[in-house]
């Protein structure tokens, strides 16, 4: 029977059967590929920080892997969590204790290494953390502003040779774009890439996760993540087509002449000229 570490290295999805995770099967393979890569790159032992744990679904392999020695879980669990898709939610009904109880059911889990912090990064300083994490995973509030705040916090909390990953990159892509421009302007050495389905990774300094297996082979399939993001966001293209179909309808000829359609476009943000 394979060990927990062998299951992680083989991207065995059965490791995620204990807690329902808000992720695709490919996302879970990416979580395990990162887990495996960090253990190998750090010589068998590493520390982990996650922002936005909810039930602990994405923590399942890390809590079971003896190579992951310490885990910080940052989750303020507010009554309402904003979302860039304008459909937020209430996650406060799942308490930290519920998450820990669920994680304790994961085969091989060591819940004692989990250090929960019920605050957001807006009220934390890197010095407040009990240790410097080797790897940060950001899956908190899905807005560009919050994602940037969390990423900047992690940049100051980690060492120079480290990495961070983001879930749902197809939602917080504007924040990621801003972050990449900030890193380029800072001159900090980094490498960025996506993993299927929606995991965006940034390596810093000497960190070379993608040189290990199964990360190397899994990264070669990053086309899946690219297509996943386009298909998932295709609703906006469909909406734009419907907008223009209605706007060009004969019934709008008079409003066009009166300039009302132009005014409506300006109000909706569709009348801006490209620079």
Protein backbone atom coordinates (compact mmCIF):
# COMPACT_ATOMS: atom_id res chain seq x y z
CA UNK A 1 0.00 0.00 0.00
CA UNK A 2 1.44 3.40 -1.01
CA UNK A 3 2.45 5.91 1.65
CA UNK A 4 0.80 9.34 1.90
CA UNK A 5 3.82 10.92 0.25
CA UNK A 6 3.69 8.42 -2.61
CA UNK A 7 -0.02 9.16 -3.08
CA UNK A 8 0.77 12.88 -3.27
CA UNK A 9 3.61 12.29 -5.74
CA UNK A 10 1.24 10.20 -7.87
CA UNK A 11 -1.52 12.87 -7.64
CA UNK A 12 -3.92 10.36 -6.15
CA UNK A 13 -7.32 12.13 -5.95
CA UNK A 14 -8.54 9.79 -3.20
CA UNK A 15 -6.62 12.05 -0.79
CA UNK A 16 -9.36 14.64 -1.34
CA UNK A 17 -12.33 12.41 -0.61
CA UNK A 18 -12.71 13.36 3.08
CA UNK A 19 -13.64 17.05 2.72
CA UNK A 20 -15.65 18.55 -0.10
CA UNK A 21 -13.36 20.99 -1.91
CA UNK A 22 -14.41 23.99 -4.02
CA UNK A 23 -12.04 22.94 -6.78
CA UNK A 24 -11.90 20.86 -9.93
CA UNK A 25 -10.12 17.52 -10.18
CA UNK A 26 -7.30 19.21 -12.11
CA UNK A 27 -7.01 21.87 -9.38
CA UNK A 28 -6.54 19.11 -6.82
CA UNK A 29 -3.85 17.52 -8.96
CA UNK A 30 -2.16 20.92 -9.04
CA UNK A 31 -2.39 21.21 -5.25
CA UNK A 32 -0.66 17.84 -4.89
CA UNK A 33 1.94 18.60 -7.57
CA UNK A 34 2.88 21.76 -5.65
CA UNK A 35 2.92 19.83 -2.38
CA UNK A 36 5.23 17.20 -3.86
CA UNK A 37 7.47 19.77 -5.53
CA UNK A 38 7.97 21.79 -2.37
CA UNK A 39 8.81 18.75 -0.29
CA UNK A 40 11.40 17.69 -2.86
CA UNK A 41 12.86 21.15 -3.38
CA UNK A 42 13.21 21.80 0.36
CA UNK A 43 14.86 18.45 0.98
CA UNK A 44 11.88 16.77 2.62
CA UNK A 45 10.57 19.43 5.01
CA UNK A 46 8.68 22.69 4.35
CA UNK A 47 6.20 25.11 5.93
CA UNK A 48 2.93 26.28 4.43
CA UNK A 49 0.56 29.25 4.75
CA UNK A 50 -2.95 29.34 3.33
CA UNK A 51 -5.24 32.36 3.12
CA UNK A 52 -8.89 31.35 2.87
CA UNK A 53 -9.28 27.81 4.19
CA UNK A 54 -13.08 27.49 4.65
CA UNK A 55 -13.65 23.74 5.32
CA UNK A 56 -10.00 22.84 4.75
CA UNK A 57 -10.52 21.13 1.40
CA UNK A 58 -7.26 22.33 -0.14
CA UNK A 59 -5.34 21.48 3.05
CA UNK A 60 -6.04 17.74 2.94
CA UNK A 61 -2.76 16.60 1.41
CA UNK A 62 -0.68 19.07 3.43
CA UNK A 63 -2.18 18.07 6.77
CA UNK A 64 -1.44 14.42 5.98
CA UNK A 65 2.04 14.92 4.53
CA UNK A 66 4.70 14.59 7.27
CA UNK A 67 7.00 16.64 5.01
CA UNK A 68 4.79 19.65 5.67
CA UNK A 69 5.83 20.42 9.23
CA UNK A 70 3.75 23.53 10.02
CA UNK A 71 0.63 25.12 8.55
CA UNK A 72 -0.77 28.62 9.10
CA UNK A 73 -4.43 28.99 8.16
CA UNK A 74 -5.52 32.64 7.83
CA UNK A 75 -9.29 32.99 7.57
CA UNK A 76 -11.30 35.76 9.31
CA UNK A 77 -14.56 33.96 8.43
CA UNK A 78 -16.66 37.12 7.94
CA UNK A 79 -20.43 37.23 7.58
CA UNK A 80 -20.12 38.29 3.94
CA UNK A 81 -17.28 37.67 1.49
CA UNK A 82 -17.25 39.94 -1.61
CA UNK A 83 -16.55 38.39 -4.99
CA UNK A 84 -15.39 39.90 -8.30
CA UNK A 85 -18.29 38.09 -9.99
CA UNK A 86 -20.68 40.27 -7.91
CA UNK A 87 -22.00 37.20 -6.12
CA UNK A 88 -20.50 37.00 -2.67
CA UNK A 89 -21.34 34.54 0.07
CA UNK A 90 -21.45 33.84 3.78
CA UNK A 91 -18.74 31.44 4.94
CA UNK A 92 -18.99 32.16 8.66
CA UNK A 93 -21.22 29.12 9.33
CA UNK A 94 -18.12 26.94 8.96
CA UNK A 95 -16.06 27.79 12.03
CA UNK A 96 -12.37 27.16 12.56
CA UNK A 97 -13.23 24.29 14.91
CA UNK A 98 -15.45 22.68 12.27
CA UNK A 99 -12.56 22.91 9.79
CA UNK A 100 -10.15 21.32 12.28
CA UNK A 101 -12.63 18.55 13.07
CA UNK A 102 -13.02 17.80 9.36
CA UNK A 103 -9.25 17.81 8.81
CA UNK A 104 -8.83 15.38 11.71
CA UNK A 105 -10.79 12.82 9.67
CA UNK A 106 -8.27 12.88 6.81
CA UNK A 107 -6.26 9.62 6.89
CA UNK A 108 -2.83 10.29 8.36
CA UNK A 109 -3.70 13.86 9.35
CA UNK A 110 -1.71 15.73 11.98
CA UNK A 111 -4.04 18.59 12.93
CA UNK A 112 -1.70 19.75 15.71
CA UNK A 113 0.56 21.37 13.12
CA UNK A 114 -2.27 23.68 11.94
CA UNK A 115 -2.14 27.18 13.44
CA UNK A 116 -5.42 29.01 12.68
CA UNK A 117 -5.56 32.82 12.62
CA UNK A 118 -9.03 34.37 12.49
CA UNK A 119 -7.92 37.71 11.08
CA UNK A 120 -7.48 39.12 7.60
CA UNK A 121 -4.17 40.35 6.19
CA UNK A 122 -5.45 43.93 6.47
CA UNK A 123 -5.08 43.63 10.25
CA UNK A 124 -1.96 41.44 10.33
CA UNK A 125 1.75 42.10 10.01
CA UNK A 126 4.28 39.51 8.82
CA UNK A 127 5.90 39.79 12.26
CA UNK A 128 2.64 38.47 13.77
CA UNK A 129 3.21 35.08 12.16
CA UNK A 130 4.86 32.33 14.24
CA UNK A 131 7.29 31.47 11.41
CA UNK A 132 8.29 32.41 7.86
CA UNK A 133 6.36 30.20 5.43
CA UNK A 134 8.16 28.58 2.52
CA UNK A 135 5.02 28.47 0.42
CA UNK A 136 1.83 30.59 0.43
CA UNK A 137 -1.47 29.61 -1.13
CA UNK A 138 -3.98 32.44 -1.64
CA UNK A 139 -7.66 31.52 -1.94
CA UNK A 140 -9.40 34.16 0.17
CA UNK A 141 -11.71 36.97 -0.92
CA UNK A 142 -12.02 36.74 -4.70
CA UNK A 143 -11.56 40.41 -5.55
CA UNK A 144 -8.53 42.00 -7.18
CA UNK A 145 -8.04 44.41 -4.27
CA UNK A 146 -8.08 41.71 -1.58
CA UNK A 147 -5.92 39.36 -3.64
CA UNK A 148 -3.27 42.07 -4.06
CA UNK A 149 -3.36 42.81 -0.33
CA UNK A 150 -2.92 39.12 0.48
CA UNK A 151 -0.12 38.72 -2.08
CA UNK A 152 1.79 41.76 -0.80
CA UNK A 153 1.46 40.43 2.73
CA UNK A 154 2.90 37.07 1.65
CA UNK A 155 5.74 38.74 -0.25
CA UNK A 156 6.84 40.38 3.00
CA UNK A 157 6.23 37.26 5.08
CA UNK A 158 8.19 34.75 2.97
CA UNK A 159 11.89 34.37 2.45
CA UNK A 160 13.64 35.30 -0.83
CA UNK A 161 13.60 31.72 -2.20
CA UNK A 162 9.92 30.80 -1.95
CA UNK A 163 6.71 30.58 -3.93
CA UNK A 164 3.05 31.53 -3.84
CA UNK A 165 0.07 30.16 -5.69
CA UNK A 166 -3.42 31.50 -6.30
CA UNK A 167 -6.67 29.61 -6.84
CA UNK A 168 -9.27 30.85 -9.35
CA UNK A 169 -6.80 32.92 -11.36
CA UNK A 170 -9.48 33.35 -14.02
CA UNK A 171 -11.46 35.48 -11.54
CA UNK A 172 -8.73 37.65 -9.99
CA UNK A 173 -6.71 38.04 -13.21
CA UNK A 174 -6.64 41.85 -13.10
CA UNK A 175 -5.07 41.68 -9.65
CA UNK A 176 -2.56 39.14 -10.92
CA UNK A 177 -1.72 41.41 -13.84
CA UNK A 178 -1.07 44.31 -11.45
CA UNK A 179 1.05 42.09 -9.19
CA UNK A 180 3.21 40.90 -12.09
CA UNK A 181 3.80 44.50 -13.20
CA UNK A 182 4.77 45.42 -9.64
CA UNK A 183 7.25 42.52 -9.50
CA UNK A 184 8.75 43.51 -12.85
CA UNK A 185 9.15 47.11 -11.67
CA UNK A 186 10.76 45.97 -8.40
CA UNK A 187 13.45 43.96 -10.17
CA UNK A 188 12.73 40.92 -7.99
CA UNK A 189 13.62 37.63 -9.64
CA UNK A 190 10.52 35.55 -10.35
CA UNK A 191 8.92 33.06 -12.72
CA UNK A 192 5.16 32.81 -13.23
CA UNK A 193 3.00 30.14 -14.87
CA UNK A 194 -0.45 28.58 -14.64
CA UNK A 195 -1.48 25.04 -13.78
CA UNK A 196 -4.77 23.29 -14.63
CA UNK A 197 -7.52 24.21 -13.98
CA UNK A 198 -7.10 27.66 -12.38
CA UNK A 199 -3.95 27.70 -10.27
CA UNK A 200 -1.47 30.53 -10.90
CA UNK A 201 2.05 30.05 -9.52
CA UNK A 202 4.89 32.50 -8.89
CA UNK A 203 8.36 31.25 -7.93
CA UNK A 204 10.90 33.60 -6.38
CA UNK A 205 14.68 33.60 -6.22
CA UNK A 206 16.26 30.17 -6.44
CA UNK A 207 12.95 28.32 -6.04
CA UNK A 208 12.51 25.86 -8.93
CA UNK A 209 9.39 23.82 -8.24
CA UNK A 210 8.74 23.11 -11.90
CA UNK A 211 11.99 21.14 -12.27
CA UNK A 212 10.64 18.23 -10.21
CA UNK A 213 8.12 15.52 -11.04
CA UNK A 214 5.13 15.45 -11.21
CA UNK A 215 5.27 19.27 -11.54
CA UNK A 216 7.32 19.23 -14.75
CA UNK A 217 4.89 16.92 -16.56
CA UNK A 218 1.83 18.60 -15.10
CA UNK A 219 3.03 22.06 -16.13
CA UNK A 220 3.38 20.75 -19.69
CA UNK A 221 -0.42 20.40 -19.64
CA UNK A 222 -1.01 24.05 -18.73
CA UNK A 223 -3.02 24.46 -21.95
CA UNK A 224 -5.89 22.95 -19.95
CA UNK A 225 -5.84 25.91 -17.59
CA UNK A 226 -5.70 28.41 -20.45
CA UNK A 227 -8.74 26.89 -22.17
CA UNK A 228 -10.56 26.45 -18.85
CA UNK A 229 -10.26 30.18 -18.13
CA UNK A 230 -11.50 31.18 -21.59
CA UNK A 231 -14.47 28.81 -21.50
CA UNK A 232 -15.38 29.80 -17.93
CA UNK A 233 -15.39 33.50 -18.88
CA UNK A 234 -17.21 33.02 -22.19
CA UNK A 235 -20.41 34.24 -20.55
CA UNK A 236 -19.06 37.78 -20.89
CA UNK A 237 -18.61 37.38 -24.66
CA UNK A 238 -22.14 36.01 -24.88
CA UNK A 239 -23.44 38.99 -22.90
CA UNK A 240 -21.56 41.43 -25.16
CA UNK A 241 -23.07 39.83 -28.27
CA UNK A 242 -26.56 40.15 -26.81
CA UNK A 243 -25.86 43.78 -25.87
CA UNK A 244 -24.88 44.68 -29.43
CA UNK A 245 -27.75 42.67 -30.94
CA UNK A 246 -30.24 44.68 -28.90
CA UNK A 247 -28.43 47.98 -29.47
CA UNK A 248 -28.53 47.53 -33.27
CA UNK A 249 -32.21 46.52 -33.36
CA UNK A 250 -34.40 48.72 -35.70
CA UNK A 251 -36.45 49.75 -32.67
CA UNK A 252 -33.42 51.74 -31.49
CA UNK A 253 -33.11 53.87 -34.66
CA UNK A 254 -34.86 56.85 -33.09
CA UNK A 255 -32.94 56.61 -29.79
CA UNK A 256 -29.76 56.46 -31.90
CA UNK A 257 -30.72 59.65 -33.71
CA UNK A 258 -31.50 61.37 -30.43
CA UNK A 259 -28.17 60.28 -28.99
CA UNK A 260 -29.80 58.27 -26.20
CA UNK A 261 -27.98 55.05 -27.07
CA UNK A 262 -24.65 56.87 -26.94
CA UNK A 263 -25.54 58.22 -23.51
CA UNK A 264 -26.58 54.74 -22.33
CA UNK A 265 -23.30 53.25 -23.55
CA UNK A 266 -21.36 55.95 -21.71
CA UNK A 267 -23.27 55.22 -18.49
CA UNK A 268 -22.64 51.47 -18.86
CA UNK A 269 -18.98 52.01 -19.63
CA UNK A 270 -19.25 50.79 -23.20
CA UNK A 271 -18.71 54.13 -24.87
CA UNK A 272 -15.05 54.58 -23.99
CA UNK A 273 -12.70 54.97 -26.90
CA UNK A 274 -9.63 52.79 -27.06
CA UNK A 275 -6.40 54.69 -26.57
